Protein backbone atom coordinates (compact mmCIF):
# COMPACT_ATOMS: atom_id res chain seq x y z
CA MET A 1 -3.80 9.54 22.05
CA SER A 2 -0.73 7.44 22.81
CA ASN A 3 1.55 9.34 20.37
CA GLU A 4 3.49 6.10 19.89
CA ILE A 5 1.78 4.24 17.03
CA VAL A 6 -1.16 5.14 14.81
CA ALA A 7 -2.79 2.92 12.20
CA VAL A 8 -3.82 4.84 9.08
CA VAL A 9 -6.67 3.12 7.23
CA VAL A 10 -8.05 4.45 3.94
CA THR A 11 -11.63 3.52 3.08
CA TYR A 12 -14.23 4.17 0.42
CA ASN A 13 -17.74 2.68 0.49
CA ARG A 14 -16.73 -0.57 2.18
CA LYS A 15 -18.09 -0.18 5.69
CA ASP A 16 -18.55 -3.91 6.30
CA LEU A 17 -14.91 -4.64 5.50
CA LEU A 18 -13.82 -1.57 7.44
CA LYS A 19 -15.73 -2.83 10.49
CA GLN A 20 -13.73 -6.08 10.45
CA ASN A 21 -10.52 -4.11 10.07
CA LEU A 22 -11.31 -1.83 13.01
CA GLN A 23 -12.30 -4.71 15.26
CA ALA A 24 -8.97 -6.40 14.52
CA LEU A 25 -7.01 -3.19 15.14
CA LEU A 26 -8.68 -2.61 18.50
CA ASN A 27 -7.99 -6.23 19.51
CA GLN A 28 -4.22 -6.03 19.09
CA GLN A 29 -2.39 -7.62 22.00
CA ASN A 30 0.57 -6.25 23.96
CA VAL A 31 1.08 -3.27 21.66
CA ARG A 32 -1.81 -0.94 20.91
CA ALA A 33 -2.31 1.73 18.28
CA ASP A 34 -4.63 4.66 17.82
CA VAL A 35 -6.55 4.54 14.55
CA PHE A 36 -6.99 7.23 11.91
CA VAL A 37 -9.76 6.35 9.45
CA VAL A 38 -9.40 8.36 6.25
CA ASP A 39 -12.71 8.26 4.40
CA ASN A 40 -12.64 9.23 0.74
CA ALA A 41 -16.17 10.71 0.99
CA SER A 42 -18.08 7.42 1.29
CA ASN A 43 -21.86 7.56 0.87
CA ASP A 44 -22.67 4.15 2.39
CA GLY A 45 -22.98 5.22 6.03
CA THR A 46 -19.34 4.63 6.95
CA GLU A 47 -19.12 7.48 9.44
CA GLN A 48 -22.34 6.51 11.18
CA MET A 49 -21.21 2.87 11.41
CA ILE A 50 -18.06 3.99 13.23
CA ARG A 51 -20.02 6.16 15.65
CA ASP A 52 -22.56 3.40 16.33
CA GLU A 53 -20.16 0.48 16.67
CA PHE A 54 -16.96 1.84 18.21
CA ASP A 55 -15.52 3.92 21.03
CA CYS A 56 -14.38 7.01 19.21
CA SER A 57 -11.72 7.81 21.80
CA GLU A 58 -9.48 5.32 19.97
CA ILE A 59 -10.73 5.91 16.43
CA HIS A 60 -10.27 9.30 14.81
CA TYR A 61 -12.36 9.88 11.70
CA PHE A 62 -11.34 12.11 8.80
CA ASN A 63 -13.50 12.77 5.75
CA THR A 64 -11.45 14.01 2.82
CA GLY A 65 -14.51 15.57 1.17
CA ALA A 66 -13.78 13.88 -2.17
CA ASN A 67 -12.51 10.61 -3.56
CA LEU A 68 -8.76 11.16 -3.55
CA GLY A 69 -8.03 7.56 -4.48
CA GLY A 70 -5.96 5.25 -2.34
CA ALA A 71 -2.82 7.32 -2.92
CA GLY A 72 -4.49 10.60 -1.97
CA GLY A 73 -6.06 8.99 1.07
CA PHE A 74 -2.73 7.63 2.30
CA GLN A 75 -1.04 10.97 1.76
CA TYR A 76 -3.81 12.65 3.75
CA GLY A 77 -3.68 10.16 6.62
CA VAL A 78 0.10 9.99 6.91
CA ARG A 79 0.23 13.79 6.89
CA GLU A 80 -2.20 13.90 9.82
CA ALA A 81 -0.18 11.25 11.68
CA ILE A 82 3.04 13.24 11.33
CA LYS A 83 1.30 16.45 12.41
CA ALA A 84 0.00 14.60 15.50
CA ASP A 85 3.58 13.65 16.38
CA TYR A 86 3.29 9.86 16.38
CA LYS A 87 6.51 7.86 16.39
CA TYR A 88 5.33 5.09 14.04
CA VAL A 89 2.68 5.00 11.31
CA TRP A 90 1.03 1.67 10.48
CA ILE A 91 -0.47 1.89 6.97
CA MET A 92 -3.16 -0.40 5.54
CA ASP A 93 -6.24 -0.75 3.33
CA ASP A 94 -9.75 -1.13 4.74
CA ASP A 95 -9.95 -4.77 3.63
CA THR A 96 -6.90 -5.74 5.71
CA VAL A 97 -7.58 -7.83 8.83
CA PRO A 98 -4.52 -8.09 11.09
CA ASN A 99 -4.00 -11.08 13.39
CA HIS A 100 -4.16 -10.24 17.10
CA ASP A 101 -0.33 -10.13 17.28
CA SER A 102 0.47 -8.53 13.91
CA LEU A 103 1.55 -5.21 15.35
CA CYS A 104 3.38 -6.83 18.27
CA LYS A 105 5.47 -8.91 15.86
CA LEU A 106 6.43 -5.81 13.88
CA TYR A 107 7.24 -3.86 17.03
CA ASP A 108 9.37 -6.67 18.49
CA ALA A 109 11.28 -7.05 15.22
CA ALA A 110 11.98 -3.32 15.16
CA LYS A 111 13.99 -3.65 18.39
CA LEU A 112 16.24 -6.35 16.89
CA LEU A 113 16.90 -4.82 13.47
CA PRO A 114 19.65 -2.30 12.67
CA ASP A 115 18.71 1.22 13.72
CA ASN A 116 18.54 2.41 10.13
CA TRP A 117 15.39 0.44 9.29
CA GLY A 118 12.70 2.61 7.74
CA ALA A 119 9.70 0.36 7.11
CA LEU A 120 8.50 -3.11 8.15
CA SER A 121 6.03 -5.12 6.09
CA SER A 122 3.79 -8.00 7.19
CA LYS A 123 3.13 -11.23 5.32
CA ALA A 124 -0.29 -10.90 3.68
CA LEU A 125 -2.48 -13.99 3.28
CA TRP A 126 -5.68 -14.33 1.31
CA THR A 127 -8.88 -15.76 2.79
CA ASP A 128 -7.81 -19.36 2.03
CA GLU A 129 -4.49 -18.89 3.89
CA SER A 130 -2.41 -18.82 0.71
CA VAL A 131 -0.04 -15.89 0.21
CA CYS A 132 -1.84 -12.92 -1.31
CA LYS A 133 -0.44 -12.59 -4.81
CA ALA A 134 -0.92 -8.83 -4.97
CA ASN A 135 1.14 -8.23 -1.84
CA ARG A 136 4.34 -10.23 -2.27
CA GLN A 137 7.16 -7.83 -1.51
CA LYS A 138 9.78 -7.10 -4.17
CA LYS A 139 13.33 -8.17 -3.33
CA THR A 140 14.47 -6.45 -6.52
CA LEU A 141 12.58 -4.79 -9.34
CA MET A 142 12.30 -8.16 -11.06
CA SER A 143 11.96 -10.66 -8.18
CA PHE A 144 9.58 -11.33 -5.31
CA VAL A 145 9.81 -12.94 -1.88
CA THR A 146 9.17 -16.70 -2.16
CA ASP A 147 7.07 -19.01 0.00
CA GLU A 148 10.27 -20.69 1.19
CA GLU A 149 11.68 -17.37 2.37
CA TYR A 150 8.45 -16.56 4.20
CA SER A 151 8.53 -19.98 5.91
CA LYS A 152 11.97 -19.39 7.45
CA GLY A 153 10.51 -16.64 9.63
CA SER A 154 13.59 -14.42 9.56
CA PRO A 155 13.40 -10.75 8.50
CA ILE A 156 13.84 -10.38 4.75
CA LYS A 157 15.38 -7.23 3.30
CA VAL A 158 13.41 -6.05 0.28
CA GLU A 159 13.35 -3.18 -2.17
CA MET A 160 9.61 -2.47 -2.26
CA ALA A 161 6.47 -3.42 -0.33
CA SER A 162 2.74 -2.72 -0.51
CA PHE A 163 0.59 -0.60 1.80
CA VAL A 164 -1.08 -3.71 3.22
CA SER A 165 0.34 -3.52 6.77
CA LEU A 166 3.42 -1.34 6.55
CA LEU A 167 4.93 0.10 9.75
CA VAL A 168 7.00 3.20 9.02
CA LYS A 169 9.14 5.40 11.26
CA ALA A 170 7.68 8.90 11.40
CA GLU A 171 11.18 10.42 11.48
CA VAL A 172 11.92 8.71 8.16
CA ILE A 173 8.71 10.09 6.62
CA SER A 174 9.70 13.56 7.80
CA LYS A 175 12.99 13.18 5.93
CA ILE A 176 11.87 11.50 2.67
CA GLY A 177 8.37 13.00 2.36
CA LEU A 178 4.79 11.73 2.18
CA PRO A 179 3.30 9.21 -0.25
CA ILE A 180 2.48 10.92 -3.55
CA GLY A 181 -1.24 11.67 -3.59
CA GLU A 182 -1.26 12.57 -7.30
CA TYR A 183 -0.72 8.91 -8.16
CA PHE A 184 -4.40 8.45 -7.23
CA ILE A 185 -4.29 4.64 -7.43
CA TRP A 186 -1.58 2.02 -7.97
CA THR A 187 2.21 2.07 -7.59
CA ASP A 188 2.13 4.68 -4.80
CA ASP A 189 3.26 2.07 -2.27
CA TYR A 190 6.15 0.84 -4.42
CA GLU A 191 7.26 4.42 -5.08
CA PHE A 192 7.11 5.29 -1.37
CA THR A 193 8.94 2.21 -0.07
CA GLY A 194 11.45 2.44 -2.91
CA ARG A 195 12.11 6.04 -1.90
CA ILE A 196 12.71 4.91 1.68
CA ASN A 197 15.19 2.34 0.41
CA ARG A 198 17.03 4.74 -1.86
CA ALA A 199 17.42 7.16 1.06
CA GLY A 200 19.43 4.49 2.89
CA TYR A 201 16.75 3.14 5.25
CA GLY A 202 16.10 -0.60 5.25
CA VAL A 203 12.74 -2.05 4.24
CA TYR A 204 12.13 -5.48 5.75
CA VAL A 205 9.46 -8.19 5.63
CA ILE A 206 8.62 -9.65 9.04
CA PRO A 207 7.05 -13.04 8.13
CA ASP A 208 5.80 -13.70 11.67
CA SER A 209 3.57 -10.63 11.39
CA VAL A 210 0.56 -11.90 9.46
CA VAL A 211 -2.49 -10.10 8.12
CA HIS A 212 -5.33 -11.27 5.89
CA HIS A 213 -6.14 -9.24 2.81
CA LYS A 214 -9.80 -9.80 1.93
CA MET A 215 -9.62 -9.12 -1.79
CA LYS A 216 -12.45 -10.58 -3.88
CA GLU A 217 -9.96 -12.79 -5.71
CA ASN A 218 -6.39 -13.79 -5.00
CA LYS A 219 -4.77 -12.34 -8.07
CA LYS A 220 -2.52 -9.55 -9.27
CA ILE A 221 -3.98 -6.99 -11.65
CA ASN A 222 -4.28 -8.36 -15.17
CA PHE A 223 -5.05 -5.71 -17.77
CA ALA A 224 -5.55 -8.27 -20.54
CA LYS A 225 -8.42 -9.97 -18.72
CA GLU A 226 -9.98 -6.87 -17.18
CA THR A 227 -13.64 -6.17 -17.93
CA PRO A 228 -14.56 -3.23 -20.23
CA ASP A 229 -16.09 -1.17 -17.40
CA ARG A 230 -12.77 -1.08 -15.50
CA ILE A 231 -10.11 -0.65 -18.17
CA ASP A 232 -9.92 3.17 -18.32
CA ARG A 233 -8.44 3.34 -14.81
CA TYR A 234 -5.39 1.34 -15.95
CA LYS A 235 -3.88 4.47 -17.43
CA TYR A 236 -2.85 5.32 -13.88
CA VAL A 237 -0.81 2.11 -13.64
CA TYR A 238 1.39 2.88 -16.61
CA ARG A 239 1.66 6.62 -15.96
CA ASN A 240 2.71 5.97 -12.35
CA ASP A 241 5.03 3.12 -13.29
CA VAL A 242 6.96 5.37 -15.66
CA HIS A 243 7.40 7.99 -12.95
CA CYS A 244 8.30 5.43 -10.27
CA TYR A 245 10.79 3.32 -12.17
CA LYS A 246 12.61 6.08 -14.01
CA GLN A 247 14.11 6.90 -10.60
CA TYR A 248 16.17 3.70 -10.99
CA GLY A 249 17.97 4.69 -14.17
CA LEU A 250 18.98 1.93 -16.59
CA ARG A 251 17.69 -0.81 -14.28
CA GLY A 252 14.28 0.84 -14.06
CA ASN A 253 14.09 1.43 -17.82
CA PHE A 254 14.86 -2.22 -18.49
CA TYR A 255 12.13 -3.30 -16.07
CA LEU A 256 9.60 -0.94 -17.71
CA PHE A 257 10.45 -2.18 -21.19
CA ALA A 258 10.03 -5.81 -20.10
CA LYS A 259 6.73 -5.10 -18.35
CA ILE A 260 5.29 -3.15 -21.27
CA ALA A 261 6.33 -5.78 -23.81
CA PHE A 262 4.83 -8.56 -21.69
CA THR A 263 1.58 -6.61 -21.20
CA VAL A 264 1.14 -5.90 -24.92
CA LEU A 265 1.79 -9.56 -25.77
CA ASN A 266 -0.61 -10.68 -23.04
CA ILE A 267 -3.34 -8.38 -24.38
CA LEU A 268 -2.89 -9.62 -27.94
CA ILE A 269 -3.00 -13.29 -26.92
CA LYS A 270 -5.37 -13.44 -23.97
CA SER A 271 -7.68 -10.43 -24.01
CA PRO A 272 -11.24 -11.48 -24.93
CA SER A 273 -12.19 -7.98 -26.12
CA ASP A 274 -11.11 -4.34 -26.48
CA LYS A 275 -7.56 -5.22 -27.51
CA LYS A 276 -6.96 -1.99 -29.44
CA LYS A 277 -8.48 0.14 -26.69
CA LYS A 278 -6.37 -1.53 -24.01
CA ILE A 279 -3.15 -1.02 -25.95
CA LYS A 280 -4.11 2.63 -26.52
CA ILE A 281 -4.75 3.11 -22.78
CA LEU A 282 -1.38 1.53 -22.00
CA PHE A 283 0.56 3.82 -24.33
CA ASP A 284 -1.46 6.89 -23.32
CA GLY A 285 -0.41 6.17 -19.74
CA ILE A 286 3.23 5.80 -20.79
CA ARG A 287 3.13 9.11 -22.68
CA GLU A 288 1.62 10.87 -19.68
CA GLY A 289 4.22 9.29 -17.43
CA LYS A 290 7.07 10.87 -19.36
CA SER A 291 5.90 14.36 -18.36
CA PHE A 292 4.30 13.40 -15.05
CA ASN A 293 6.39 14.99 -12.32
CA PRO A 294 4.40 15.30 -9.07
CA SER A 295 6.04 17.06 -6.17
CA ILE A 296 6.78 15.30 -2.89
CA GLU A 297 5.16 16.96 0.10
CA PHE A 298 7.02 17.30 3.40
CA VAL A 299 5.57 17.93 6.85
CA SER A 300 7.60 19.90 9.36
């Protein structure tokens, strides 16, 4: 192991996408990274695919033994990276395909930025080369990075970023703690990068570092239009949002109120079915969020 940079990839039953991700990680130019694959107990032959297709001296496989969700998987993988004494941790989903110079661009930018940077985020494109809507970084709680800002190529200071290609200093993680595994899914990346920011470490977008996020559709989550078989999981969104944004005081409460009001209105106007159930799930999540107080884990 190089003990310089490790990519932490969380996967669950998506071995074909994971294969593309691993190929891209191993083909990085100029700057290389070891790879930690955190498998949330897949049953599709993920582990065997890795053993058959790749040199396992560069890929280190961890099976969590259960589906911990994306948040639990990232907490697990980042913990292992800190324990292994890497200097930088490069976090991403299994459906992320970095360009050959994605890591190099992040690493080069790190040398030019102020020393107090904590995390660097890539520009995420969808399969048609448009910006991936789910991964636009937040400049503030209410605003996102624009296409024009991406096109200038200069580093952009932001408040929050997703876990789709995020390079983080290990020393910063040791000080502010791991991602919160109890979030299970959604908002864990915003909470984590927001925590980095609030601790006084800069979070920057590096537009020249480009990855492709192979989501099925280029869209943000839309509870109003979600299908009945997937709506129960949305309780995590609103529970986690309450916990995340209450850290911002009045500004966070205003954002939450605006988001909740917009979501309720969107459900009433645009949801084709299950309107009452969706609104109940939303407010159940909010109620849980008020008492949801997960601890932040630290690694010595």
